C-alpha atoms as a PDB file:
ATOM      1  CA  MET A   1     108.507 -16.368 196.427  1.00  0.00           C
ATOM      2  CA  PRO A   2     106.534 -16.256 193.162  1.00  0.00           C
ATOM      3  CA  ILE A   3     106.589 -13.103 191.105  1.00  0.00           C
ATOM      4  CA  PRO A   4     103.205 -11.300 191.116  1.00  0.00           C
ATOM      5  CA  LEU A   5     101.293 -10.960 187.888  1.00  0.00           C
ATOM      6  CA  LEU A   6     102.414  -7.972 185.864  1.00  0.00           C
ATOM      7  CA  ASN A   7      99.875  -5.301 185.091  1.00  0.00           C
ATOM      8  CA  TYR A   8      98.557  -5.162 181.544  1.00  0.00           C
ATOM      9  CA  ALA A   9      96.013  -2.815 180.038  1.00  0.00           C
ATOM     10  CA  PRO A  10      93.025  -4.560 178.401  1.00  0.00           C
ATOM     11  CA  THR A  11      92.306  -3.493 174.853  1.00  0.00           C
ATOM     12  CA  CYS A  12      88.822  -3.122 173.391  1.00  0.00           C
ATOM     13  CA  GLN A  13      87.885  -6.416 171.749  1.00  0.00           C
ATOM     14  CA  ASN A  14      84.735  -8.361 171.028  1.00  0.00           C
ATOM     15  CA  GLN A  15      84.754 -10.308 174.297  1.00  0.00           C
ATOM     16  CA  ARG A  16      84.401  -7.054 176.287  1.00  0.00           C
ATOM     17  CA  VAL A  17      81.098  -6.220 174.566  1.00  0.00           C
ATOM     18  CA  ASP A  18      77.769  -7.763 175.523  1.00  0.00           C
ATOM     19  CA  GLY A  19      77.073 -10.841 173.448  1.00  0.00           C
ATOM     20  CA  TYR A  20      74.336 -11.143 170.865  1.00  0.00           C
ATOM     21  CA  GLU A  21      74.753 -14.838 170.095  1.00  0.00           C
ATOM     22  CA  VAL A  22      72.075 -17.427 170.627  1.00  0.00           C
ATOM     23  CA  GLY A  23      72.502 -20.419 172.909  1.00  0.00           C
ATOM     24  CA  SER A  24      74.427 -23.401 171.600  1.00  0.00           C
ATOM     25  CA  GLU A  25      76.585 -26.246 172.834  1.00  0.00           C
ATOM     26  CA  GLU A  26      79.455 -23.770 173.120  1.00  0.00           C
ATOM     27  CA  ARG A  27      77.540 -21.949 175.859  1.00  0.00           C
ATOM     28  CA  MET A  28      76.430 -24.693 178.228  1.00  0.00           C
ATOM     29  CA  GLN A  29      74.682 -23.469 181.367  1.00  0.00           C
ATOM     30  CA  MET A  30      74.677 -25.940 184.246  1.00  0.00           C
ATOM     31  CA  GLY A  31      72.597 -26.309 187.357  1.00  0.00           C
ATOM     32  CA  ALA A  32      73.949 -25.510 190.798  1.00  0.00           C
ATOM     33  CA  ASP A  33      73.904 -29.174 191.848  1.00  0.00           C
ATOM     34  CA  THR A  34      75.123 -31.582 189.198  1.00  0.00           C
ATOM     35  CA  SER A  35      74.144 -34.579 191.341  1.00  0.00           C
ATOM     36  CA  MET A  36      70.459 -33.681 190.821  1.00  0.00           C
ATOM     37  CA  THR A  37      70.692 -33.622 187.029  1.00  0.00           C
ATOM     38  CA  THR A  38      70.021 -36.565 184.767  1.00  0.00           C
ATOM     39  CA  ALA A  39      72.708 -38.811 183.320  1.00  0.00           C
ATOM     40  CA  SER A  40      72.277 -37.309 179.871  1.00  0.00           C
ATOM     41  CA  ASP A  41      72.759 -33.811 181.293  1.00  0.00           C
ATOM     42  CA  VAL A  42      75.992 -34.860 182.970  1.00  0.00           C
ATOM     43  CA  ASP A  43      77.152 -36.403 179.694  1.00  0.00           C
ATOM     44  CA  ALA A  44      76.464 -33.084 177.995  1.00  0.00           C
ATOM     45  CA  ILE A  45      78.500 -31.290 180.654  1.00  0.00           C
ATOM     46  CA  ILE A  46      81.431 -33.667 180.192  1.00  0.00           C
ATOM     47  CA  TRP A  47      81.282 -33.391 176.407  1.00  0.00           C
ATOM     48  CA  ALA A  48      81.152 -29.591 176.513  1.00  0.00           C
ATOM     49  CA  ALA A  49      84.120 -29.456 178.895  1.00  0.00           C
ATOM     50  CA  TYR A  50      86.245 -31.785 176.775  1.00  0.00           C
ATOM     51  CA  ARG A  51      85.302 -29.880 173.638  1.00  0.00           C
ATOM     52  CA  GLN A  52      86.301 -26.551 175.172  1.00  0.00           C
ATOM     53  CA  VAL A  53      89.465 -27.576 177.027  1.00  0.00           C
ATOM     54  CA  PHE A  54      90.933 -30.191 174.696  1.00  0.00           C
ATOM     55  CA  GLY A  55      89.422 -28.957 171.449  1.00  0.00           C
ATOM     56  CA  GLU A  56      88.200 -30.973 168.501  1.00  0.00           C
ATOM     57  CA  HIS A  57      91.670 -32.310 167.685  1.00  0.00           C
ATOM     58  CA  GLN A  58      92.373 -33.987 171.022  1.00  0.00           C
ATOM     59  CA  ILE A  59      89.072 -35.608 172.010  1.00  0.00           C
ATOM     60  CA  LEU A  60      90.182 -39.233 172.101  1.00  0.00           C
ATOM     61  CA  LYS A  61      89.138 -42.134 174.274  1.00  0.00           C
ATOM     62  CA  SER A  62      92.695 -42.499 175.558  1.00  0.00           C
ATOM     63  CA  ASN A  63      92.739 -38.840 176.664  1.00  0.00           C
ATOM     64  CA  ARG A  64      89.640 -39.022 178.819  1.00  0.00           C
ATOM     65  CA  GLN A  65      89.878 -38.690 182.590  1.00  0.00           C
ATOM     66  CA  PRO A  66      87.521 -41.326 184.069  1.00  0.00           C
ATOM     67  CA  PHE A  67      88.321 -40.450 187.700  1.00  0.00           C
ATOM     68  CA  LEU A  68      87.341 -36.815 187.220  1.00  0.00           C
ATOM     69  CA  GLU A  69      84.230 -37.837 185.305  1.00  0.00           C
ATOM     70  CA  SER A  70      83.210 -40.152 188.134  1.00  0.00           C
ATOM     71  CA  GLN A  71      83.636 -37.387 190.725  1.00  0.00           C
ATOM     72  CA  LEU A  72      81.528 -35.031 188.624  1.00  0.00           C
ATOM     73  CA  ARG A  73      78.775 -37.610 188.166  1.00  0.00           C
ATOM     74  CA  PHE A  74      78.495 -38.169 191.931  1.00  0.00           C
ATOM     75  CA  GLY A  75      78.503 -34.455 192.742  1.00  0.00           C
ATOM     76  CA  GLN A  76      81.948 -34.445 194.356  1.00  0.00           C
ATOM     77  CA  LEU A  77      83.225 -31.806 191.915  1.00  0.00           C
ATOM     78  CA  THR A  78      81.749 -28.631 190.546  1.00  0.00           C
ATOM     79  CA  VAL A  79      81.997 -27.833 186.861  1.00  0.00           C
ATOM     80  CA  ARG A  80      84.794 -25.362 187.578  1.00  0.00           C
ATOM     81  CA  GLU A  81      86.839 -27.973 189.433  1.00  0.00           C
ATOM     82  CA  PHE A  82      86.236 -30.461 186.639  1.00  0.00           C
ATOM     83  CA  VAL A  83      87.555 -27.942 184.103  1.00  0.00           C
ATOM     84  CA  ARG A  84      90.540 -27.289 186.380  1.00  0.00           C
ATOM     85  CA  GLY A  85      91.277 -31.024 186.513  1.00  0.00           C
ATOM     86  CA  LEU A  86      91.173 -31.398 182.735  1.00  0.00           C
ATOM     87  CA  ALA A  87      93.496 -28.441 182.153  1.00  0.00           C
ATOM     88  CA  SER A  88      95.885 -29.678 184.876  1.00  0.00           C
ATOM     89  CA  SER A  89      96.036 -33.269 183.618  1.00  0.00           C
ATOM     90  CA  ASP A  90      99.221 -34.816 182.298  1.00  0.00           C
ATOM     91  CA  VAL A  91      97.554 -35.397 178.930  1.00  0.00           C
ATOM     92  CA  PHE A  92      96.771 -31.714 178.481  1.00  0.00           C
ATOM     93  CA  ARG A  93     100.302 -30.776 179.505  1.00  0.00           C
ATOM     94  CA  ARG A  94     101.847 -33.306 177.123  1.00  0.00           C
ATOM     95  CA  LEU A  95      99.723 -32.297 174.141  1.00  0.00           C
ATOM     96  CA  ASN A  96      99.762 -28.536 174.586  1.00  0.00           C
ATOM     97  CA  HIS A  97     102.659 -27.410 176.770  1.00  0.00           C
ATOM     98  CA  GLU A  98     105.554 -29.691 175.891  1.00  0.00           C
ATOM     99  CA  PRO A  99     105.535 -29.142 172.094  1.00  0.00           C
ATOM    100  CA  ASN A 100     105.015 -25.362 172.374  1.00  0.00           C
ATOM    101  CA  THR A 101     106.615 -22.311 173.892  1.00  0.00           C
ATOM    102  CA  ASN A 102     105.252 -20.709 177.057  1.00  0.00           C
ATOM    103  CA  TYR A 103     103.883 -17.838 174.965  1.00  0.00           C
ATOM    104  CA  ARG A 104     101.904 -20.198 172.770  1.00  0.00           C
ATOM    105  CA  PHE A 105     100.703 -22.168 175.798  1.00  0.00           C
ATOM    106  CA  VAL A 106      99.464 -18.947 177.419  1.00  0.00           C
ATOM    107  CA  GLU A 107      97.510 -18.109 174.288  1.00  0.00           C
ATOM    108  CA  ILE A 108      95.912 -21.572 174.222  1.00  0.00           C
ATOM    109  CA  CYS A 109      94.918 -21.568 177.891  1.00  0.00           C
ATOM    110  CA  VAL A 110      93.498 -18.029 177.868  1.00  0.00           C
ATOM    111  CA  GLN A 111      91.392 -18.914 174.843  1.00  0.00           C
ATOM    112  CA  ARG A 112      90.165 -22.208 176.295  1.00  0.00           C
ATOM    113  CA  LEU A 113      89.662 -21.257 179.961  1.00  0.00           C
ATOM    114  CA  LEU A 114      88.774 -17.562 179.801  1.00  0.00           C
ATOM    115  CA  GLY A 115      86.937 -17.723 176.482  1.00  0.00           C
ATOM    116  CA  ARG A 116      88.803 -14.851 174.850  1.00  0.00           C
ATOM    117  CA  ASP A 117      91.963 -14.101 172.969  1.00  0.00           C
ATOM    118  CA  ILE A 118      94.917 -12.436 174.659  1.00  0.00           C
ATOM    119  CA  TYR A 119      94.707  -8.667 174.844  1.00  0.00           C
ATOM    120  CA  ASN A 120      98.283  -7.895 173.807  1.00  0.00           C
ATOM    121  CA  GLU A 121     101.885  -9.053 174.045  1.00  0.00           C
ATOM    122  CA  ARG A 122     102.236  -7.653 177.546  1.00  0.00           C
ATOM    123  CA  GLU A 123      99.550 -10.006 178.850  1.00  0.00           C
ATOM    124  CA  LYS A 124     101.254 -12.916 177.129  1.00  0.00           C
ATOM    125  CA  ILE A 125     104.554 -12.036 178.808  1.00  0.00           C
ATOM    126  CA  ALA A 126     102.875 -11.573 182.185  1.00  0.00           C
ATOM    127  CA  TRP A 127     101.289 -15.031 182.179  1.00  0.00           C
ATOM    128  CA  SER A 128     104.501 -16.590 180.851  1.00  0.00           C
ATOM    129  CA  ILE A 129     106.308 -15.309 183.935  1.00  0.00           C
ATOM    130  CA  VAL A 130     103.649 -17.049 186.054  1.00  0.00           C
ATOM    131  CA  ILE A 131     104.417 -20.350 184.299  1.00  0.00           C
ATOM    132  CA  VAL A 132     108.116 -19.952 185.025  1.00  0.00           C
ATOM    133  CA  SER A 133     107.611 -18.993 188.677  1.00  0.00           C
ATOM    134  CA  LYS A 134     104.655 -21.239 189.630  1.00  0.00           C
ATOM    135  CA  GLY A 135     104.729 -23.981 187.041  1.00  0.00           C
ATOM    136  CA  VAL A 136     101.957 -25.163 184.741  1.00  0.00           C
ATOM    137  CA  ARG A 137      99.651 -26.215 187.579  1.00  0.00           C
ATOM    138  CA  GLY A 138     100.009 -22.860 189.321  1.00  0.00           C
ATOM    139  CA  PHE A 139      99.293 -21.070 186.049  1.00  0.00           C
ATOM    140  CA  ILE A 140      96.107 -23.092 185.499  1.00  0.00           C
ATOM    141  CA  ASP A 141      95.002 -22.421 189.090  1.00  0.00           C
ATOM    142  CA  ASP A 142      95.491 -18.679 188.648  1.00  0.00           C
ATOM    143  CA  LEU A 143      93.346 -18.693 185.509  1.00  0.00           C
ATOM    144  CA  VAL A 144      90.532 -20.771 186.988  1.00  0.00           C
ATOM    145  CA  ASP A 145      90.581 -18.833 190.283  1.00  0.00           C
ATOM    146  CA  SER A 146      90.743 -15.426 188.595  1.00  0.00           C
ATOM    147  CA  GLU A 147      87.978 -12.868 188.985  1.00  0.00           C
ATOM    148  CA  GLU A 148      87.425 -12.891 185.237  1.00  0.00           C
ATOM    149  CA  TYR A 149      86.688 -16.619 185.231  1.00  0.00           C
ATOM    150  CA  LEU A 150      84.356 -16.441 188.226  1.00  0.00           C
ATOM    151  CA  ALA A 151      82.528 -13.395 186.867  1.00  0.00           C
ATOM    152  CA  ASN A 152      81.823 -14.980 183.497  1.00  0.00           C
ATOM    153  CA  PHE A 153      81.426 -18.707 184.278  1.00  0.00           C
ATOM    154  CA  GLY A 154      81.219 -19.146 188.041  1.00  0.00           C
ATOM    155  CA  GLU A 155      81.026 -22.633 189.487  1.00  0.00           C
ATOM    156  CA  ASP A 156      78.440 -24.118 187.157  1.00  0.00           C
ATOM    157  CA  TYR A 157      79.305 -22.934 183.653  1.00  0.00           C
ATOM    158  CA  VAL A 158      81.542 -24.674 181.165  1.00  0.00           C
ATOM    159  CA  PRO A 159      83.799 -21.971 179.645  1.00  0.00           C
ATOM    160  CA  PHE A 160      82.725 -20.848 176.193  1.00  0.00           C
ATOM    161  CA  GLN A 161      84.094 -18.474 173.600  1.00  0.00           C
ATOM    162  CA  ARG A 162      82.861 -14.989 174.399  1.00  0.00           C
ATOM    163  CA  ARG A 163      82.144 -12.793 171.399  1.00  0.00           C
ATOM    164  CA  ARG A 164      79.611 -10.253 170.178  1.00  0.00           C
ATOM    165  CA  VAL A 165      79.141 -11.470 166.586  1.00  0.00           C
ATOM    166  CA  LEU A 166      76.106 -13.527 165.715  1.00  0.00           C
ATOM    167  CA  ASN A 167      77.746 -15.868 163.242  1.00  0.00           C
ATOM    168  CA  GLN A 168      81.443 -16.734 163.388  1.00  0.00           C
ATOM    169  CA  ARG A 169      81.363 -18.033 159.818  1.00  0.00           C
ATOM    170  CA  ASP A 170      80.313 -14.624 158.553  1.00  0.00           C
ATOM    171  CA  SER A 171      82.908 -12.844 160.690  1.00  0.00           C
ATOM    172  CA  GLY A 172      85.761 -15.015 159.468  1.00  0.00           C
ATOM    173  CA  GLU A 173      86.839 -15.898 163.022  1.00  0.00           C
ATOM    174  CA  THR A 174      87.816 -19.502 163.713  1.00  0.00           C
ATOM    175  CA  PRO A 175      86.477 -20.891 167.017  1.00  0.00           C
ATOM    176  CA  PHE A 176      89.179 -21.510 169.583  1.00  0.00           C
ATOM    177  CA  ASN A 177      88.391 -25.196 169.952  1.00  0.00           C
ATOM    178  CA  LEU A 178      88.846 -25.703 166.191  1.00  0.00           C
ATOM    179  CA  LYS A 179      92.350 -24.226 166.081  1.00  0.00           C
ATOM    180  CA  THR A 180      95.166 -26.753 165.970  1.00  0.00           C
ATOM    181  CA  PRO A 181      97.104 -26.103 169.174  1.00  0.00           C
ATOM    182  CA  ARG A 182     100.357 -27.715 168.113  1.00  0.00           C
ATOM    183  CA  TYR A 183     101.609 -27.056 164.617  1.00  0.00           C
ATOM    184  CA  GLU A 184     102.219 -23.336 164.681  1.00  0.00           C
ATOM    185  CA  ALA A 185     105.178 -21.529 163.123  1.00  0.00           C
ATOM    186  CA  TYR A 186     107.574 -22.199 166.006  1.00  0.00           C
ATOM    187  CA  HIS A 187     106.877 -25.942 166.130  1.00  0.00           C
ATOM    188  CA  ARG A 188     107.120 -26.297 162.358  1.00  0.00           C
ATOM    189  CA  GLN A 189     110.506 -24.587 162.496  1.00  0.00           C
ATOM    190  CA  GLN A 190     111.661 -27.100 165.112  1.00  0.00           C
ATOM    191  CA  LEU A 191     110.701 -29.931 162.772  1.00  0.00           C
ATOM    192  CA  GLY A 192     112.628 -28.318 159.923  1.00  0.00           C
ATOM    193  CA  PHE A 193     109.651 -27.110 157.902  1.00  0.00           C
ATOM    194  CA  PRO A 194     109.157 -25.643 155.406  1.00  0.00           C
ATOM    195  CA  GLN A 195     111.686 -27.597 153.389  1.00  0.00           C
ATOM    196  CA  ILE A 196     112.629 -25.798 150.172  1.00  0.00           C
ATOM    197  CA  VAL A 197     114.669 -27.735 147.608  1.00  0.00           C
ATOM    198  CA  TRP A 198     116.046 -25.867 144.622  1.00  0.00           C
ATOM    199  CA  GLN A 199     116.805 -27.906 141.489  1.00  0.00           C
ATOM    200  CA  SER A 200     119.063 -26.782 138.671  1.00  0.00           C
ATOM    201  CA  THR A 201     117.186 -28.883 136.132  1.00  0.00           C
ATOM    202  CA  VAL A 202     113.480 -29.172 135.622  1.00  0.00           C
ATOM    203  CA  ARG A 203     112.285 -32.753 135.532  1.00  0.00           C
ATOM    204  CA  ARG A 204     109.089 -33.819 133.938  1.00  0.00           C
ATOM    205  CA  PHE A 205     107.075 -36.621 135.411  1.00  0.00           C
ATOM    206  CA  ILE A 206     105.688 -39.098 132.890  1.00  0.00           C
ATOM    207  CA  PRO A 207     103.057 -41.568 134.110  1.00  0.00           C
ATOM    208  CA  GLN A 208     103.862 -45.228 133.676  1.00  0.00           C
ATOM    209  CA  GLU A 209     101.064 -45.816 131.194  1.00  0.00           C
ATOM    210  CA  LYS A 210     102.444 -43.040 128.967  1.00  0.00           C
ATOM    211  CA  GLN A 211     106.073 -44.141 129.042  1.00  0.00           C
ATOM    212  CA  VAL A 212     107.549 -45.485 125.771  1.00  0.00           C
ATOM    213  CA  ARG A 213     108.160 -49.232 125.918  1.00  0.00           C
ATOM    214  CA  ASN A 214     110.700 -51.342 124.054  1.00  0.00           C
ATOM    215  CA  GLY A 215     109.776 -51.877 120.412  1.00  0.00           C
ATOM    216  CA  ASP A 216     107.648 -48.770 120.201  1.00  0.00           C
ATOM    217  CA  PRO A 217     108.239 -46.927 116.866  1.00  0.00           C
ATOM    218  CA  ARG A 218     108.480 -43.661 118.757  1.00  0.00           C
ATOM    219  CA  GLN A 219     111.872 -44.767 120.022  1.00  0.00           C
ATOM    220  CA  PHE A 220     113.344 -44.342 116.511  1.00  0.00           C
ATOM    221  CA  LEU A 221     112.378 -40.683 116.409  1.00  0.00           C
ATOM    222  CA  GLY A 222     115.590 -39.736 118.152  1.00  0.00           C
ATOM    223  CA  VAL A 223     117.666 -41.812 115.708  1.00  0.00           C
ATOM    224  CA  ALA A 224     116.019 -40.123 112.731  1.00  0.00           C
ATOM    225  CA  ARG A 225     116.635 -36.691 114.189  1.00  0.00           C
ATOM    226  CA  GLY A 226     120.292 -37.576 114.713  1.00  0.00           C
ATOM    227  CA  LEU A 227     120.740 -38.604 111.068  1.00  0.00           C
ATOM    228  CA  ALA A 228     119.079 -35.406 109.864  1.00  0.00           C
ATOM    229  CA  SER A 229     121.365 -33.252 111.991  1.00  0.00           C
ATOM    230  CA  ALA A 230     124.450 -35.101 110.770  1.00  0.00           C
ATOM    231  CA  LYS A 231     123.436 -34.493 107.136  1.00  0.00           C
ATOM    232  CA  ARG A 232     122.993 -30.772 107.787  1.00  0.00           C
ATOM    233  CA  GLU A 233     126.507 -30.614 109.243  1.00  0.00           C
ATOM    234  CA  GLY A 234     128.001 -32.132 106.059  1.00  0.00           C
ATOM    235  CA  LYS A 235     128.687 -35.574 107.420  1.00  0.00           C
ATOM    236  CA  THR A 236     128.135 -38.440 104.987  1.00  0.00           C
ATOM    237  CA  SER A 237     126.678 -41.622 106.193  1.00  0.00           C
ATOM    238  CA  VAL A 238     128.174 -44.964 105.178  1.00  0.00           C
ATOM    239  CA  SER A 239     125.838 -47.535 103.648  1.00  0.00           C
ATOM    240  CA  ALA A 240     126.111 -50.653 101.461  1.00  0.00           C
ATOM    241  CA  MET A 241     125.010 -48.691  98.376  1.00  0.00           C
ATOM    242  CA  ASN A 242     127.998 -46.354  98.150  1.00  0.00           C
ATOM    243  CA  VAL A 243     130.854 -48.734  99.035  1.00  0.00           C
ATOM    244  CA  ASP A 244     133.185 -49.672  96.090  1.00  0.00           C
ATOM    245  CA  PHE A 245     133.918 -53.282  96.836  1.00  0.00           C
ATOM    246  CA  LEU A 246     136.041 -53.847  93.627  1.00  0.00           C
ATOM    247  CA  SER A 247     138.578 -51.248  94.637  1.00  0.00           C
ATOM    248  CA  LYS A 248     139.124 -53.107  97.840  1.00  0.00           C
ATOM    249  CA  VAL A 249     139.888 -56.470  96.086  1.00  0.00           C
ATOM    250  CA  PRO A 250     143.561 -56.919  94.966  1.00  0.00           C
ATOM    251  CA  TYR A 251     143.995 -57.358  91.149  1.00  0.00           C
ATOM    252  CA  ARG A 252     146.145 -60.197  89.753  1.00  0.00           C
ATOM    253  CA  LYS A 253     147.119 -60.751  86.116  1.00  0.00           C
ATOM    254  CA  ALA A 254     146.581 -64.139  84.519  1.00  0.00           C
ATOM    255  CA  SER A 255     149.796 -66.058  83.760  1.00  0.00           C
END
């Protein structure tokens, strides 16, 4: 028997206030009967759904679901069922659930399917329990069949990010479908990042075109500095000018 959803108190956030934004591709309103729309309209529906559910980072040709698209084109699926199919697909599970924790997956799905951020940690825990008890498919079904989804999007709306600001760029808020769903702090820690390497010596990188080659006069600078330091320490250097060769030759008297 699955555990019922825990109660959580909604907090006052932007998505609970009436919106002031103008219409855009993020807020795609669809007709009641998709089979009566034109082919270009259906293409716009499919693009908006992929953009909202998968995000900008995962819209690839290999990730598309041609069977679901065909059912939507022939009016066998509503927009809500098409969104449910995308979020329940193996590709979505592999890209978003497997490399993340249940908490992170809850945050992604609430943002993509309900168009808002999670209220608090208690809501995140509540939906995580649903994943454990019902599985990923049951969790997606509960989101798509929830009263919040039906009240805001119904059968013929592609989910969009609900907010009350006019311009997200001015507010500093990143759209949900532009957030990278994978490489968060937990996943980076699993990969061993950040990698911090402490060095006892500081090395200086010299480009190849600036490196001293053989025969360059600058190579003798170190030799000259070594001779100067030896002279300061009182060491005498041996040269051909100060060697007494006669004292080294044995002397013989003439008979």
